[in-house]
Amino acid sequence: MTRFPIVLLDYDGTLAETQPAILRSLKEAFEASGYKGPSSDALKHQLSKGGTLQTLFQAIIPDSDVDDAKAFVRHYRAYYPKADQEETVLFDGVKSVLDDLKADGATLVILSNKHAPTVHASIERFGLGGWISNVIASEPDYPHKPDPRVMTDRVRPLFPEVPASDFLMVGDTAADLGFARNSGIASCWASYGHGSATQCIDLKPDFQIDSIAGLLNVAR
């Protein structure tokens, strides 16, 4: 049996090492949008917040408007599939951990701020579909983590009778941990991922893991 029957798993920086593909695609998208590509450090700083492509662009180009941001997002999504195919890998041990969690009776749900079609494509490419019961990712007109409406509007309808104590949110950024706190559920910080250690520690996660294998000790 598992301590947390419903495990909500972030994708980027938690199950998959996507940062090389993301950085490459971001730089290409900035250049295609007519801007000099920011430094890797500047991009990593924004990525550590766990926001969306639009919020990242607007943070780096603060005088941009909504149309500029939408154009940037379109460029990014055009470049990303090739970079993802060539550079993204699963963290070591992911499939084994998912297998053990599912064998213990946990329901595994991907909960990501990443573009939904991109998450689905990556899950299919890595053959993770057999372990994942649902995928909740970024779609137009839906809220994003850390907004608690992600829980009320998108997660809760799937599990209407499950008490909050049965959920565990596992993620690497402040967006994941803030979402868990805002939603009144347990949180587990994947410290090996892309998040800012200072921001994540400040949110006082219930658990911390230094590799995906550590999740078994949390969940059991």
Protein backbone atom coordinates (compact mmCIF):
# COMPACT_ATOMS: atom_id res chain seq x y z
CA MET A 1 0.00 0.00 0.00
CA THR A 2 1.05 3.59 -0.53
CA ARG A 3 0.86 6.46 1.93
CA PHE A 4 -0.49 8.70 -0.85
CA PRO A 5 -3.01 6.99 -3.15
CA ILE A 6 -2.92 9.89 -5.65
CA VAL A 7 0.56 11.05 -6.73
CA LEU A 8 0.63 14.22 -8.86
CA LEU A 9 3.87 14.35 -10.80
CA ASP A 10 5.39 17.38 -12.48
CA TYR A 11 7.15 16.52 -15.76
CA ASP A 12 10.02 18.90 -16.60
CA GLY A 13 12.80 18.56 -14.04
CA THR A 14 10.96 15.84 -12.12
CA LEU A 15 10.55 12.90 -14.51
CA ALA A 16 12.45 14.21 -17.53
CA GLU A 17 15.63 16.23 -17.96
CA THR A 18 14.27 18.72 -20.46
CA GLN A 19 16.40 21.76 -19.69
CA PRO A 20 18.88 21.43 -22.61
CA ALA A 21 15.99 21.20 -25.10
CA ILE A 22 14.14 24.06 -23.43
CA LEU A 23 17.16 26.39 -23.35
CA ARG A 24 17.96 25.68 -26.99
CA SER A 25 14.37 26.31 -28.09
CA LEU A 26 14.02 29.46 -26.00
CA LYS A 27 17.12 31.02 -27.54
CA GLU A 28 15.91 30.12 -31.04
CA ALA A 29 12.47 31.57 -30.28
CA PHE A 30 13.89 34.86 -28.97
CA GLU A 31 16.00 35.24 -32.09
CA ALA A 32 13.06 34.40 -34.36
CA SER A 33 11.04 37.03 -32.49
CA GLY A 34 13.66 39.68 -33.23
CA TYR A 35 15.40 39.74 -29.84
CA LYS A 36 18.91 38.79 -28.84
CA GLY A 37 18.82 35.43 -27.07
CA PRO A 38 19.26 35.92 -23.30
CA SER A 39 22.08 34.16 -21.47
CA SER A 40 21.56 30.62 -20.23
CA ASP A 41 21.78 31.88 -16.65
CA ALA A 42 19.00 34.41 -17.24
CA LEU A 43 16.80 31.75 -18.78
CA LYS A 44 17.53 29.24 -16.03
CA HIS A 45 16.54 31.85 -13.45
CA GLN A 46 13.16 32.27 -15.10
CA LEU A 47 12.72 28.52 -15.60
CA SER A 48 13.35 27.96 -11.90
CA LYS A 49 10.06 29.72 -11.17
CA GLY A 50 8.09 27.05 -13.01
CA GLY A 51 5.84 29.46 -14.91
CA THR A 52 4.60 29.42 -18.50
CA LEU A 53 6.29 30.43 -21.74
CA GLN A 54 4.29 33.64 -21.83
CA THR A 55 5.25 34.67 -18.29
CA LEU A 56 8.90 33.87 -19.01
CA PHE A 57 8.90 36.01 -22.15
CA GLN A 58 7.17 38.92 -20.46
CA ALA A 59 9.60 38.79 -17.52
CA ILE A 60 12.59 39.05 -19.86
CA ILE A 61 10.96 41.54 -22.27
CA PRO A 62 8.83 43.59 -19.85
CA ASP A 63 7.76 46.18 -22.41
CA SER A 64 6.30 43.51 -24.71
CA ASP A 65 2.59 43.13 -25.31
CA VAL A 66 0.34 40.08 -25.46
CA ASP A 67 0.72 39.70 -29.22
CA ASP A 68 4.52 39.69 -28.89
CA ALA A 69 4.30 36.98 -26.25
CA LYS A 70 1.94 34.87 -28.35
CA ALA A 71 4.27 35.11 -31.34
CA PHE A 72 7.20 34.05 -29.15
CA VAL A 73 5.24 31.04 -27.89
CA ARG A 74 4.43 30.01 -31.47
CA HIS A 75 8.11 30.19 -32.43
CA TYR A 76 9.10 28.16 -29.37
CA ARG A 77 6.58 25.43 -30.07
CA ALA A 78 7.79 25.20 -33.66
CA TYR A 79 11.39 24.67 -32.54
CA TYR A 80 10.85 22.52 -29.46
CA PRO A 81 9.85 19.12 -30.94
CA LYS A 82 13.19 18.71 -32.74
CA ALA A 83 15.19 19.81 -29.69
CA ASP A 84 13.11 17.57 -27.43
CA GLN A 85 13.66 14.58 -29.69
CA GLU A 86 17.41 15.14 -29.77
CA GLU A 87 18.15 16.21 -26.19
CA THR A 88 15.48 15.21 -23.65
CA VAL A 89 16.02 12.10 -21.51
CA LEU A 90 14.23 10.57 -18.55
CA PHE A 91 16.03 10.77 -15.23
CA ASP A 92 17.66 7.50 -14.24
CA GLY A 93 15.24 5.08 -12.60
CA VAL A 94 11.98 6.79 -13.59
CA LYS A 95 10.31 3.74 -15.08
CA SER A 96 11.33 1.51 -12.20
CA VAL A 97 9.94 3.99 -9.65
CA LEU A 98 6.67 4.40 -11.54
CA ASP A 99 6.38 0.63 -11.77
CA ASP A 100 6.84 0.23 -8.02
CA LEU A 101 4.42 3.03 -7.17
CA LYS A 102 1.74 1.59 -9.40
CA ALA A 103 2.32 -1.89 -7.98
CA ASP A 104 1.79 -0.39 -4.52
CA GLY A 105 -1.63 0.84 -5.65
CA ALA A 106 -0.88 4.53 -6.35
CA THR A 107 -2.72 6.39 -9.10
CA LEU A 108 -0.17 8.45 -11.02
CA VAL A 109 -1.15 11.74 -12.67
CA ILE A 110 1.07 14.11 -14.65
CA LEU A 111 0.38 17.69 -13.56
CA SER A 112 2.46 20.09 -15.63
CA ASN A 113 2.53 23.72 -16.77
CA LYS A 114 3.99 22.46 -20.06
CA HIS A 115 1.95 22.63 -23.28
CA ALA A 116 -0.43 19.66 -23.20
CA PRO A 117 0.29 18.26 -26.69
CA THR A 118 4.02 18.41 -25.96
CA VAL A 119 3.62 16.48 -22.70
CA HIS A 120 1.48 13.83 -24.39
CA ALA A 121 4.02 13.46 -27.20
CA SER A 122 6.89 13.04 -24.74
CA ILE A 123 4.98 10.51 -22.64
CA GLU A 124 4.25 8.50 -25.78
CA ARG A 125 7.87 8.66 -26.97
CA PHE A 126 9.19 7.38 -23.66
CA GLY A 127 6.48 4.75 -23.30
CA LEU A 128 5.12 6.04 -19.99
CA GLY A 129 1.44 5.70 -20.85
CA GLY A 130 1.04 2.38 -19.06
CA TRP A 131 1.84 3.98 -15.70
CA ILE A 132 0.04 7.31 -16.05
CA SER A 133 -3.71 7.42 -15.50
CA ASN A 134 -4.27 11.08 -16.46
CA VAL A 135 -2.35 14.03 -17.90
CA ILE A 136 -3.22 17.56 -16.81
CA ALA A 137 -1.11 20.14 -18.64
CA SER A 138 -1.26 23.65 -20.05
CA GLU A 139 -4.28 24.38 -22.25
CA PRO A 140 -5.87 27.69 -23.32
CA ASP A 141 -8.16 29.34 -20.77
CA TYR A 142 -7.19 27.01 -17.93
CA PRO A 143 -5.26 28.09 -14.80
CA HIS A 144 -1.67 27.02 -14.14
CA LYS A 145 0.21 25.99 -11.01
CA PRO A 146 0.46 27.48 -8.37
CA ASP A 147 -3.15 28.62 -8.82
CA PRO A 148 -5.35 26.47 -6.54
CA ARG A 149 -8.02 26.44 -9.26
CA VAL A 150 -5.88 23.78 -10.94
CA MET A 151 -6.93 21.57 -8.05
CA THR A 152 -10.58 22.58 -7.89
CA ASP A 153 -11.20 22.82 -11.64
CA ARG A 154 -8.95 20.13 -13.10
CA VAL A 155 -7.82 17.61 -10.48
CA ARG A 156 -10.85 17.38 -8.20
CA PRO A 157 -13.32 16.44 -10.97
CA LEU A 158 -11.21 13.30 -11.54
CA PHE A 159 -11.18 12.37 -7.84
CA PRO A 160 -14.26 13.99 -6.26
CA GLU A 161 -14.46 11.68 -3.23
CA VAL A 162 -10.75 11.49 -2.36
CA PRO A 163 -9.68 13.40 0.79
CA ALA A 164 -6.93 16.00 0.49
CA SER A 165 -4.69 13.87 2.72
CA ASP A 166 -4.49 11.24 -0.04
CA PHE A 167 -2.75 13.57 -2.53
CA LEU A 168 0.98 14.17 -2.92
CA MET A 169 2.39 16.79 -5.32
CA VAL A 170 5.92 15.99 -6.52
CA GLY A 171 7.78 18.73 -8.35
CA ASP A 172 10.99 20.68 -8.65
CA THR A 173 9.90 24.33 -8.66
CA ALA A 174 8.15 26.88 -6.49
CA ALA A 175 5.12 26.61 -8.78
CA ASP A 176 4.68 22.97 -7.78
CA LEU A 177 5.22 23.51 -4.07
CA GLY A 178 3.11 26.67 -4.03
CA PHE A 179 0.31 24.80 -5.75
CA ALA A 180 0.42 22.08 -3.09
CA ARG A 181 0.35 24.63 -0.28
CA ASN A 182 -2.46 26.62 -1.90
CA SER A 183 -4.45 23.42 -2.39
CA GLY A 184 -3.94 22.00 1.09
CA ILE A 185 -2.11 18.85 -0.02
CA ALA A 186 1.29 17.34 0.79
CA SER A 187 4.32 18.43 -1.22
CA CYS A 188 7.58 16.75 -2.18
CA TRP A 189 10.43 18.83 -3.59
CA ALA A 190 12.52 17.16 -6.29
CA SER A 191 15.72 19.01 -5.44
CA TYR A 192 17.62 17.50 -8.39
CA GLY A 193 15.46 19.42 -10.89
CA HIS A 194 15.36 22.96 -12.22
CA GLY A 195 13.92 24.92 -9.30
CA SER A 196 15.52 27.57 -7.12
CA ALA A 197 16.64 26.01 -3.86
CA THR A 198 15.99 29.24 -1.94
CA GLN A 199 12.45 29.62 -3.26
CA CYS A 200 11.59 25.97 -2.75
CA ILE A 201 12.98 25.74 0.78
CA ASP A 202 11.09 28.91 1.71
CA LEU A 203 7.86 27.08 0.82
CA LYS A 204 8.66 24.42 3.44
CA PRO A 205 7.90 21.26 1.44
CA ASP A 206 6.75 18.27 3.47
CA PHE A 207 9.36 16.05 1.85
CA GLN A 208 12.54 16.41 -0.17
CA ILE A 209 14.10 13.92 -2.57
CA ASP A 210 17.52 14.13 -4.19
CA SER A 211 16.72 11.61 -6.94
CA ILE A 212 13.53 10.09 -8.30
CA ALA A 213 14.34 6.88 -6.43
CA GLY A 214 13.80 8.73 -3.16
CA LEU A 215 10.12 9.05 -3.96
CA LEU A 216 9.58 5.42 -2.93
CA ASN A 217 10.66 6.24 0.63
CA VAL A 218 8.19 9.13 0.71
CA ALA A 219 5.23 7.31 -0.78
CA ARG A 220 5.50 4.06 1.15
